[in-house]
C-alpha atoms as a PDB file:
ATOM      1  CA  MET A   1     -25.823   6.237  -7.614  1.00  0.00           C
ATOM      2  CA  SER A   2     -26.658   4.045  -5.855  1.00  0.00           C
ATOM      3  CA  PHE A   3     -26.275   4.033  -1.400  1.00  0.00           C
ATOM      4  CA  ASP A   4     -23.953   0.623  -1.858  1.00  0.00           C
ATOM      5  CA  GLU A   5     -22.011   1.634  -4.908  1.00  0.00           C
ATOM      6  CA  VAL A   6     -20.861   5.412  -2.886  1.00  0.00           C
ATOM      7  CA  ILE A   7     -20.383   2.617  -0.196  1.00  0.00           C
ATOM      8  CA  LYS A   8     -18.065   0.573  -2.784  1.00  0.00           C
ATOM      9  CA  TYR A   9     -16.175   3.082  -3.966  1.00  0.00           C
ATOM     10  CA  LEU A  10     -15.485   4.790  -0.098  1.00  0.00           C
ATOM     11  CA  ILE A  11     -13.623   0.672   1.146  1.00  0.00           C
ATOM     12  CA  TRP A  12     -10.964   0.950  -2.937  1.00  0.00           C
ATOM     13  CA  ILE A  13     -10.376   4.289  -1.618  1.00  0.00           C
ATOM     14  CA  ILE A  14      -9.424   4.246   1.764  1.00  0.00           C
ATOM     15  CA  PHE A  15      -7.507   0.780   0.497  1.00  0.00           C
ATOM     16  CA  PHE A  16      -5.508   2.842  -2.452  1.00  0.00           C
ATOM     17  CA  GLY A  17      -5.165   5.324   0.223  1.00  0.00           C
ATOM     18  CA  ILE A  18      -3.669   3.153   3.231  1.00  0.00           C
ATOM     19  CA  VAL A  19      -1.281   1.436   0.362  1.00  0.00           C
ATOM     20  CA  LEU A  20       0.148   4.293  -0.882  1.00  0.00           C
ATOM     21  CA  ALA A  21       0.837   5.553   2.365  1.00  0.00           C
ATOM     22  CA  GLY A  22       2.203   2.120   3.561  1.00  0.00           C
ATOM     23  CA  LEU A  23       5.131   2.743   0.396  1.00  0.00           C
ATOM     24  CA  PHE A  24       5.624   5.316   1.172  1.00  0.00           C
ATOM     25  CA  VAL A  25       6.784   5.089   4.516  1.00  0.00           C
ATOM     26  CA  MET A  26       8.417   2.119   3.290  1.00  0.00           C
ATOM     27  CA  LEU A  27      10.312   4.090   0.999  1.00  0.00           C
ATOM     28  CA  LYS A  28      11.330   7.114   2.815  1.00  0.00           C
ATOM     29  CA  LYS A  29      12.602   4.636   6.159  1.00  0.00           C
ATOM     30  CA  THR A  30      14.812   1.910   3.334  1.00  0.00           C
ATOM     31  CA  GLY A  31      16.151   5.619   2.591  1.00  0.00           C
ATOM     32  CA  VAL A  32      14.248   6.045  -1.305  1.00  0.00           C
ATOM     33  CA  ILE A  33      12.841   9.452  -0.618  1.00  0.00           C
END
């Protein structure tokens, strides 16, 4: 696996992590969870 591919995967993982964390916070604020 090349260095560029590793960077690309890391960016996607971080992006999805932020999105999931944001959704979780929103659900907690609205009282769903």
